[in-house]
């Protein structure tokens, strides 16, 4: 379980653009960062603290994070519901 958490954390951490710019990530795995919620979160935080673009510039990134969260929530809810019905 720790290996899965560590792998998931490192994936989000390395592909979010926090340490390395996404343009410096090899092109073969750069496309994967489009599906990582951390990338959009880092952009929102940077804009809020540094650039000051505000809500009109960042609303679509919040929608992407909410959509990603709802997809994972739905997947886990269906899986847990199926497990509860078997018992």
PDB file of N, CA and C in Angstrom:
ATOM      1  N   UNK A   1       0.825  -1.180   0.000  1.00  0.00           N
ATOM      2  CA  UNK A   1       0.000   0.000   0.000  1.00  0.00           C
ATOM      3  C   UNK A   1       0.880   1.258   0.000  1.00  0.00           C
ATOM      4  N   UNK A   2       1.982   1.200   0.738  1.00  0.00           N
ATOM      5  CA  UNK A   2       2.882   2.348   0.749  1.00  0.00           C
ATOM      6  C   UNK A   2       3.514   2.569  -0.616  1.00  0.00           C
ATOM      7  N   UNK A   3       3.802   1.510  -1.324  1.00  0.00           N
ATOM      8  CA  UNK A   3       4.406   1.655  -2.644  1.00  0.00           C
ATOM      9  C   UNK A   3       3.423   2.316  -3.618  1.00  0.00           C
ATOM     10  N   UNK A   4       2.161   1.979  -3.511  1.00  0.00           N
ATOM     11  CA  UNK A   4       1.158   2.600  -4.371  1.00  0.00           C
ATOM     12  C   UNK A   4       1.018   4.083  -4.029  1.00  0.00           C
ATOM     13  N   UNK A   5       0.981   4.399  -2.746  1.00  0.00           N
ATOM     14  CA  UNK A   5       0.881   5.801  -2.340  1.00  0.00           C
ATOM     15  C   UNK A   5       2.122   6.581  -2.759  1.00  0.00           C
ATOM     16  N   UNK A   6       3.277   5.995  -2.576  1.00  0.00           N
ATOM     17  CA  UNK A   6       4.517   6.655  -2.956  1.00  0.00           C
ATOM     18  C   UNK A   6       4.581   6.851  -4.465  1.00  0.00           C
ATOM     19  N   UNK A   7       4.186   5.834  -5.218  1.00  0.00           N
ATOM     20  CA  UNK A   7       4.163   5.961  -6.673  1.00  0.00           C
ATOM     21  C   UNK A   7       3.183   7.014  -7.142  1.00  0.00           C
ATOM     22  N   UNK A   8       2.014   7.054  -6.541  1.00  0.00           N
ATOM     23  CA  UNK A   8       1.019   8.068  -6.905  1.00  0.00           C
ATOM     24  C   UNK A   8       1.474   9.466  -6.528  1.00  0.00           C
ATOM     25  N   UNK A   9       2.074   9.592  -5.356  1.00  0.00           N
ATOM     26  CA  UNK A   9       2.563  10.895  -4.920  1.00  0.00           C
ATOM     27  C   UNK A   9       3.689  11.374  -5.825  1.00  0.00           C
ATOM     28  N   UNK A  10       4.626  10.501  -6.134  1.00  0.00           N
ATOM     29  CA  UNK A  10       5.740  10.898  -6.993  1.00  0.00           C
ATOM     30  C   UNK A  10       5.271  11.245  -8.395  1.00  0.00           C
ATOM     31  N   UNK A  11       4.287  10.530  -8.892  1.00  0.00           N
ATOM     32  CA  UNK A  11       3.753  10.832 -10.216  1.00  0.00           C
ATOM     33  C   UNK A  11       3.160  12.235 -10.249  1.00  0.00           C
ATOM     34  N   UNK A  12       2.348  12.565  -9.263  1.00  0.00           N
ATOM     35  CA  UNK A  12       1.748  13.897  -9.203  1.00  0.00           C
ATOM     36  C   UNK A  12       2.822  14.946  -8.955  1.00  0.00           C
ATOM     37  N   UNK A  13       3.753  14.654  -8.070  1.00  0.00           N
ATOM     38  CA  UNK A  13       4.792  15.610  -7.705  1.00  0.00           C
ATOM     39  C   UNK A  13       5.705  15.929  -8.881  1.00  0.00           C
ATOM     40  N   UNK A  14       6.113  14.929  -9.636  1.00  0.00           N
ATOM     41  CA  UNK A  14       7.063  15.137 -10.724  1.00  0.00           C
ATOM     42  C   UNK A  14       6.403  15.691 -11.984  1.00  0.00           C
ATOM     43  N   UNK A  15       5.146  15.361 -12.232  1.00  0.00           N
ATOM     44  CA  UNK A  15       4.481  15.804 -13.458  1.00  0.00           C
ATOM     45  C   UNK A  15       3.574  17.020 -13.266  1.00  0.00           C
ATOM     46  N   UNK A  16       3.600  17.609 -12.080  1.00  0.00           N
ATOM     47  CA  UNK A  16       2.736  18.762 -11.850  1.00  0.00           C
ATOM     48  C   UNK A  16       3.372  20.072 -12.281  1.00  0.00           C
ATOM     49  N   UNK A  17       4.680  20.100 -12.434  1.00  0.00           N
ATOM     50  CA  UNK A  17       5.362  21.335 -12.791  1.00  0.00           C
ATOM     51  C   UNK A  17       5.838  22.110 -11.590  1.00  0.00           C
ATOM     52  N   UNK A  18       5.790  21.522 -10.408  1.00  0.00           N
ATOM     53  CA  UNK A  18       6.238  22.205  -9.200  1.00  0.00           C
ATOM     54  C   UNK A  18       7.749  22.335  -9.171  1.00  0.00           C
ATOM     55  N   UNK A  19       8.451  21.263  -9.433  1.00  0.00           N
ATOM     56  CA  UNK A  19       9.918  21.289  -9.386  1.00  0.00           C
ATOM     57  C   UNK A  19      10.503  21.575 -10.756  1.00  0.00           C
ATOM     58  N   UNK A  20      10.062  20.810 -11.735  1.00  0.00           N
ATOM     59  CA  UNK A  20      10.557  20.971 -13.098  1.00  0.00           C
ATOM     60  C   UNK A  20       9.430  21.517 -13.979  1.00  0.00           C
ATOM     61  N   UNK A  21       9.745  22.478 -14.843  1.00  0.00           N
ATOM     62  CA  UNK A  21       8.708  22.936 -15.787  1.00  0.00           C
ATOM     63  C   UNK A  21       8.249  21.778 -16.674  1.00  0.00           C
ATOM     64  N   UNK A  22       6.986  21.773 -17.015  1.00  0.00           N
ATOM     65  CA  UNK A  22       6.426  20.680 -17.808  1.00  0.00           C
ATOM     66  C   UNK A  22       7.096  20.611 -19.178  1.00  0.00           C
ATOM     67  N   UNK A  23       7.581  21.731 -19.683  1.00  0.00           N
ATOM     68  CA  UNK A  23       8.272  21.738 -20.972  1.00  0.00           C
ATOM     69  C   UNK A  23       9.581  20.971 -20.912  1.00  0.00           C
ATOM     70  N   UNK A  24      10.154  20.775 -19.719  1.00  0.00           N
ATOM     71  CA  UNK A  24      11.409  20.039 -19.575  1.00  0.00           C
ATOM     72  C   UNK A  24      11.195  18.539 -19.395  1.00  0.00           C
ATOM     73  N   UNK A  25       9.967  18.123 -19.209  1.00  0.00           N
ATOM     74  CA  UNK A  25       9.659  16.702 -19.085  1.00  0.00           C
ATOM     75  C   UNK A  25       9.756  16.076 -20.477  1.00  0.00           C
ATOM     76  N   UNK A  26      10.322  14.869 -20.585  1.00  0.00           N
ATOM     77  CA  UNK A  26      10.413  14.233 -21.906  1.00  0.00           C
ATOM     78  C   UNK A  26       9.052  14.144 -22.587  1.00  0.00           C
ATOM     79  N   UNK A  27       9.072  14.372 -23.872  1.00  0.00           N
ATOM     80  CA  UNK A  27       7.818  14.471 -24.640  1.00  0.00           C
ATOM     81  C   UNK A  27       7.010  13.177 -24.614  1.00  0.00           C
ATOM     82  N   UNK A  28       7.665  12.047 -24.394  1.00  0.00           N
ATOM     83  CA  UNK A  28       6.956  10.766 -24.373  1.00  0.00           C
ATOM     84  C   UNK A  28       5.996  10.670 -23.190  1.00  0.00           C
ATOM     85  N   UNK A  29       6.299  11.349 -22.085  1.00  0.00           N
ATOM     86  CA  UNK A  29       5.408  11.280 -20.915  1.00  0.00           C
ATOM     87  C   UNK A  29       4.777  12.629 -20.580  1.00  0.00           C
ATOM     88  N   UNK A  30       5.072  13.664 -21.346  1.00  0.00           N
ATOM     89  CA  UNK A  30       4.512  14.998 -21.084  1.00  0.00           C
ATOM     90  C   UNK A  30       2.991  14.995 -21.207  1.00  0.00           C
ATOM     91  N   UNK A  31       2.445  14.209 -22.130  1.00  0.00           N
ATOM     92  CA  UNK A  31       0.996  14.166 -22.335  1.00  0.00           C
ATOM     93  C   UNK A  31       0.273  13.684 -21.086  1.00  0.00           C
ATOM     94  N   UNK A  32       0.973  12.871 -20.278  1.00  0.00           N
ATOM     95  CA  UNK A  32       0.374  12.329 -19.066  1.00  0.00           C
ATOM     96  C   UNK A  32       0.063  13.422 -18.047  1.00  0.00           C
ATOM     97  N   UNK A  33       0.826  14.514 -18.086  1.00  0.00           N
ATOM     98  CA  UNK A  33       0.599  15.593 -17.117  1.00  0.00           C
ATOM     99  C   UNK A  33      -0.742  16.296 -17.344  1.00  0.00           C
ATOM    100  N   UNK A  34      -1.350  16.134 -18.502  1.00  0.00           N
ATOM    101  CA  UNK A  34      -2.670  16.737 -18.731  1.00  0.00           C
ATOM    102  C   UNK A  34      -3.751  16.081 -17.882  1.00  0.00           C
ATOM    103  N   UNK A  35      -3.516  14.861 -17.419  1.00  0.00           N
ATOM    104  CA  UNK A  35      -4.502  14.131 -16.625  1.00  0.00           C
ATOM    105  C   UNK A  35      -4.209  14.198 -15.131  1.00  0.00           C
ATOM    106  N   UNK A  36      -3.179  14.928 -14.739  1.00  0.00           N
ATOM    107  CA  UNK A  36      -2.768  15.008 -13.335  1.00  0.00           C
ATOM    108  C   UNK A  36      -3.352  16.282 -12.732  1.00  0.00           C
ATOM    109  N   UNK A  37      -4.138  16.145 -11.670  1.00  0.00           N
ATOM    110  CA  UNK A  37      -4.793  17.294 -11.072  1.00  0.00           C
ATOM    111  C   UNK A  37      -3.795  18.260 -10.459  1.00  0.00           C
ATOM    112  N   UNK A  38      -2.635  17.771 -10.042  1.00  0.00           N
ATOM    113  CA  UNK A  38      -1.631  18.617  -9.408  1.00  0.00           C
ATOM    114  C   UNK A  38      -1.117  19.712 -10.322  1.00  0.00           C
ATOM    115  N   UNK A  39      -1.086  19.443 -11.609  1.00  0.00           N
ATOM    116  CA  UNK A  39      -0.631  20.454 -12.570  1.00  0.00           C
ATOM    117  C   UNK A  39      -1.525  21.689 -12.519  1.00  0.00           C
ATOM    118  N   UNK A  40      -2.808  21.475 -12.487  1.00  0.00           N
ATOM    119  CA  UNK A  40      -3.750  22.582 -12.478  1.00  0.00           C
ATOM    120  C   UNK A  40      -3.774  23.284 -11.123  1.00  0.00           C
ATOM    121  N   UNK A  41      -3.590  22.518 -10.060  1.00  0.00           N
ATOM    122  CA  UNK A  41      -3.535  23.107  -8.727  1.00  0.00           C
ATOM    123  C   UNK A  41      -2.323  24.031  -8.592  1.00  0.00           C
ATOM    124  N   UNK A  42      -1.178  23.594  -9.081  1.00  0.00           N
ATOM    125  CA  UNK A  42       0.027  24.420  -9.023  1.00  0.00           C
ATOM    126  C   UNK A  42      -0.176  25.698  -9.822  1.00  0.00           C
ATOM    127  N   UNK A  43      -0.804  25.604 -10.974  1.00  0.00           N
ATOM    128  CA  UNK A  43      -1.079  26.803 -11.777  1.00  0.00           C
ATOM    129  C   UNK A  43      -1.997  27.777 -11.041  1.00  0.00           C
ATOM    130  N   UNK A  44      -3.015  27.254 -10.364  1.00  0.00           N
ATOM    131  CA  UNK A  44      -3.939  28.111  -9.625  1.00  0.00           C
ATOM    132  C   UNK A  44      -3.216  28.813  -8.481  1.00  0.00           C
ATOM    133  N   UNK A  45      -2.411  28.076  -7.742  1.00  0.00           N
ATOM    134  CA  UNK A  45      -1.704  28.657  -6.613  1.00  0.00           C
ATOM    135  C   UNK A  45      -0.691  29.696  -7.084  1.00  0.00           C
ATOM    136  N   UNK A  46       0.045  29.388  -8.139  1.00  0.00           N
ATOM    137  CA  UNK A  46       1.010  30.361  -8.666  1.00  0.00           C
ATOM    138  C   UNK A  46       0.313  31.629  -9.132  1.00  0.00           C
ATOM    139  N   UNK A  47      -0.820  31.488  -9.776  1.00  0.00           N
ATOM    140  CA  UNK A  47      -1.534  32.661 -10.251  1.00  0.00           C
ATOM    141  C   UNK A  47      -2.084  33.484  -9.092  1.00  0.00           C
ATOM    142  N   UNK A  48      -2.580  32.808  -8.081  1.00  0.00           N
ATOM    143  CA  UNK A  48      -3.150  33.525  -6.945  1.00  0.00           C
ATOM    144  C   UNK A  48      -2.085  34.283  -6.168  1.00  0.00           C
ATOM    145  N   UNK A  49      -0.905  33.696  -6.026  1.00  0.00           N
ATOM    146  CA  UNK A  49       0.131  34.324  -5.218  1.00  0.00           C
ATOM    147  C   UNK A  49       1.046  35.257  -6.008  1.00  0.00           C
ATOM    148  N   UNK A  50       1.297  34.957  -7.259  1.00  0.00           N
ATOM    149  CA  UNK A  50       2.303  35.718  -7.999  1.00  0.00           C
ATOM    150  C   UNK A  50       1.717  36.662  -9.037  1.00  0.00           C
ATOM    151  N   UNK A  51       0.831  36.162  -9.864  1.00  0.00           N
ATOM    152  CA  UNK A  51       0.367  36.945 -10.999  1.00  0.00           C
ATOM    153  C   UNK A  51      -0.874  37.771 -10.695  1.00  0.00           C
ATOM    154  N   UNK A  52      -1.762  37.235  -9.882  1.00  0.00           N
ATOM    155  CA  UNK A  52      -2.968  37.972  -9.518  1.00  0.00           C
ATOM    156  C   UNK A  52      -4.012  38.051 -10.612  1.00  0.00           C
ATOM    157  N   UNK A  53      -4.092  37.033 -11.466  1.00  0.00           N
ATOM    158  CA  UNK A  53      -5.085  37.035 -12.536  1.00  0.00           C
ATOM    159  C   UNK A  53      -6.497  36.862 -12.030  1.00  0.00           C
ATOM    160  N   UNK A  54      -6.630  36.179 -10.909  1.00  0.00           N
ATOM    161  CA  UNK A  54      -7.933  36.024 -10.287  1.00  0.00           C
ATOM    162  C   UNK A  54      -8.800  34.950 -10.918  1.00  0.00           C
ATOM    163  N   UNK A  55     -10.050  34.978 -10.524  1.00  0.00           N
ATOM    164  CA  UNK A  55     -11.014  33.961 -10.933  1.00  0.00           C
ATOM    165  C   UNK A  55     -11.242  33.906 -12.438  1.00  0.00           C
ATOM    166  N   UNK A  56     -11.365  35.015 -13.141  1.00  0.00           N
ATOM    167  CA  UNK A  56     -11.628  34.926 -14.585  1.00  0.00           C
ATOM    168  C   UNK A  56     -10.529  34.202 -15.362  1.00  0.00           C
ATOM    169  N   UNK A  57      -9.312  34.241 -14.876  1.00  0.00           N
ATOM    170  CA  UNK A  57      -8.206  33.590 -15.587  1.00  0.00           C
ATOM    171  C   UNK A  57      -8.057  32.118 -15.211  1.00  0.00           C
ATOM    172  N   UNK A  58      -8.630  31.700 -14.083  1.00  0.00           N
ATOM    173  CA  UNK A  58      -8.341  30.361 -13.569  1.00  0.00           C
ATOM    174  C   UNK A  58      -9.570  29.484 -13.372  1.00  0.00           C
ATOM    175  N   UNK A  59     -10.751  29.919 -13.722  1.00  0.00           N
ATOM    176  CA  UNK A  59     -11.955  29.149 -13.401  1.00  0.00           C
ATOM    177  C   UNK A  59     -11.969  27.794 -14.074  1.00  0.00           C
ATOM    178  N   UNK A  60     -11.437  27.676 -15.282  1.00  0.00           N
ATOM    179  CA  UNK A  60     -11.494  26.395 -16.000  1.00  0.00           C
ATOM    180  C   UNK A  60     -10.581  25.360 -15.360  1.00  0.00           C
ATOM    181  N   UNK A  61      -9.515  25.787 -14.691  1.00  0.00           N
ATOM    182  CA  UNK A  61      -8.642  24.833 -13.999  1.00  0.00           C
ATOM    183  C   UNK A  61      -9.334  24.261 -12.765  1.00  0.00           C
ATOM    184  N   UNK A  62     -10.139  25.070 -12.108  1.00  0.00           N
ATOM    185  CA  UNK A  62     -10.920  24.579 -10.976  1.00  0.00           C
ATOM    186  C   UNK A  62     -11.948  23.561 -11.454  1.00  0.00           C
ATOM    187  N   UNK A  63     -12.535  23.801 -12.607  1.00  0.00           N
ATOM    188  CA  UNK A  63     -13.509  22.860 -13.181  1.00  0.00           C
ATOM    189  C   UNK A  63     -12.823  21.538 -13.518  1.00  0.00           C
ATOM    190  N   UNK A  64     -11.603  21.584 -14.049  1.00  0.00           N
ATOM    191  CA  UNK A  64     -10.865  20.357 -14.366  1.00  0.00           C
ATOM    192  C   UNK A  64     -10.581  19.558 -13.106  1.00  0.00           C
ATOM    193  N   UNK A  65     -10.161  20.242 -12.033  1.00  0.00           N
ATOM    194  CA  UNK A  65      -9.898  19.549 -10.770  1.00  0.00           C
ATOM    195  C   UNK A  65     -11.185  18.936 -10.222  1.00  0.00           C
ATOM    196  N   UNK A  66     -12.291  19.669 -10.280  1.00  0.00           N
ATOM    197  CA  UNK A  66     -13.570  19.142  -9.796  1.00  0.00           C
ATOM    198  C   UNK A  66     -14.023  17.948 -10.629  1.00  0.00           C
ATOM    199  N   UNK A  67     -13.831  18.016 -11.930  1.00  0.00           N
ATOM    200  CA  UNK A  67     -14.207  16.898 -12.790  1.00  0.00           C
ATOM    201  C   UNK A  67     -13.371  15.657 -12.479  1.00  0.00           C
ATOM    202  N   UNK A  68     -12.062  15.840 -12.323  1.00  0.00           N
ATOM    203  CA  UNK A  68     -11.188  14.720 -11.991  1.00  0.00           C
ATOM    204  C   UNK A  68     -11.586  14.099 -10.659  1.00  0.00           C
ATOM    205  N   UNK A  69     -11.862  14.933  -9.669  1.00  0.00           N
ATOM    206  CA  UNK A  69     -12.293  14.431  -8.369  1.00  0.00           C
ATOM    207  C   UNK A  69     -13.607  13.684  -8.441  1.00  0.00           C
ATOM    208  N   UNK A  70     -14.539  14.196  -9.229  1.00  0.00           N
ATOM    209  CA  UNK A  70     -15.833  13.512  -9.337  1.00  0.00           C
ATOM    210  C   UNK A  70     -15.715  12.184 -10.072  1.00  0.00           C
ATOM    211  N   UNK A  71     -14.822  12.103 -11.045  1.00  0.00           N
ATOM    212  CA  UNK A  71     -14.603  10.833 -11.742  1.00  0.00           C
ATOM    213  C   UNK A  71     -14.055   9.791 -10.781  1.00  0.00           C
ATOM    214  N   UNK A  72     -13.032  10.157 -10.008  1.00  0.00           N
ATOM    215  CA  UNK A  72     -12.463   9.200  -9.056  1.00  0.00           C
ATOM    216  C   UNK A  72     -13.439   8.857  -7.943  1.00  0.00           C
ATOM    217  N   UNK A  73     -14.235   9.834  -7.504  1.00  0.00           N
ATOM    218  CA  UNK A  73     -15.242   9.556  -6.481  1.00  0.00           C
ATOM    219  C   UNK A  73     -16.280   8.569  -7.007  1.00  0.00           C
ATOM    220  N   UNK A  74     -16.742   8.774  -8.228  1.00  0.00           N
ATOM    221  CA  UNK A  74     -17.735   7.877  -8.821  1.00  0.00           C
ATOM    222  C   UNK A  74     -17.180   6.475  -8.982  1.00  0.00           C
ATOM    223  N   UNK A  75     -15.944   6.371  -9.423  1.00  0.00           N
ATOM    224  CA  UNK A  75     -15.331   5.050  -9.578  1.00  0.00           C
ATOM    225  C   UNK A  75     -15.231   4.325  -8.236  1.00  0.00           C
ATOM    226  N   UNK A  76     -14.802   5.028  -7.206  1.00  0.00           N
ATOM    227  CA  UNK A  76     -14.674   4.381  -5.903  1.00  0.00           C
ATOM    228  C   UNK A  76     -16.039   4.077  -5.292  1.00  0.00           C
ATOM    229  N   UNK A  77     -17.012   4.957  -5.513  1.00  0.00           N
ATOM    230  CA  UNK A  77     -18.360   4.709  -4.978  1.00  0.00           C
ATOM    231  C   UNK A  77     -18.967   3.458  -5.603  1.00  0.00           C
ATOM    232  N   UNK A  78     -18.803   3.323  -6.928  1.00  0.00           N
ATOM    233  CA  UNK A  78     -19.337   2.127  -7.590  1.00  0.00           C
ATOM    234  C   UNK A  78     -18.651   0.864  -7.098  1.00  0.00           C
ATOM    235  N   UNK A  79     -17.351   0.939  -6.913  1.00  0.00           N
ATOM    236  CA  UNK A  79     -16.608  -0.220  -6.450  1.00  0.00           C
ATOM    237  C   UNK A  79     -17.020  -0.594  -5.024  1.00  0.00           C
ATOM    238  N   UNK A  80     -17.161   0.383  -4.149  1.00  0.00           N
ATOM    239  CA  UNK A  80     -17.556   0.097  -2.777  1.00  0.00           C
ATOM    240  C   UNK A  80     -19.010  -0.377  -2.711  1.00  0.00           C
ATOM    241  N   UNK A  81     -19.876   0.179  -3.542  1.00  0.00           N
ATOM    242  CA  UNK A  81     -21.272  -0.254  -3.554  1.00  0.00           C
ATOM    243  C   UNK A  81     -21.379  -1.714  -3.971  1.00  0.00           C
ATOM    244  N   UNK A  82     -20.583  -2.088  -4.957  1.00  0.00           N
ATOM    245  CA  UNK A  82     -20.580  -3.471  -5.414  1.00  0.00           C
ATOM    246  C   UNK A  82     -20.084  -4.403  -4.319  1.00  0.00           C
ATOM    247  N   UNK A  83     -19.101  -3.957  -3.545  1.00  0.00           N
ATOM    248  CA  UNK A  83     -18.587  -4.782  -2.460  1.00  0.00           C
ATOM    249  C   UNK A  83     -19.610  -4.916  -1.343  1.00  0.00           C
ATOM    250  N   UNK A  84     -20.374  -3.873  -1.069  1.00  0.00           N
ATOM    251  CA  UNK A  84     -21.356  -3.936   0.008  1.00  0.00           C
ATOM    252  C   UNK A  84     -22.534  -4.824  -0.372  1.00  0.00           C
ATOM    253  N   UNK A  85     -22.913  -4.857  -1.628  1.00  0.00           N
ATOM    254  CA  UNK A  85     -24.032  -5.678  -2.043  1.00  0.00           C
ATOM    255  C   UNK A  85     -23.694  -7.170  -2.007  1.00  0.00           C
ATOM    256  N   UNK A  86     -22.415  -7.519  -2.130  1.00  0.00           N
ATOM    257  CA  UNK A  86     -22.025  -8.921  -2.095  1.00  0.00           C
ATOM    258  C   UNK A  86     -22.066  -9.488  -0.696  1.00  0.00           C
ATOM    259  N   UNK A  87     -21.944  -8.655   0.308  1.00  0.00           N
ATOM    260  CA  UNK A  87     -21.880  -9.155   1.675  1.00  0.00           C
ATOM    261  C   UNK A  87     -23.187  -9.566   2.186  1.00  0.00           C
TER     262      UNK A  87
END
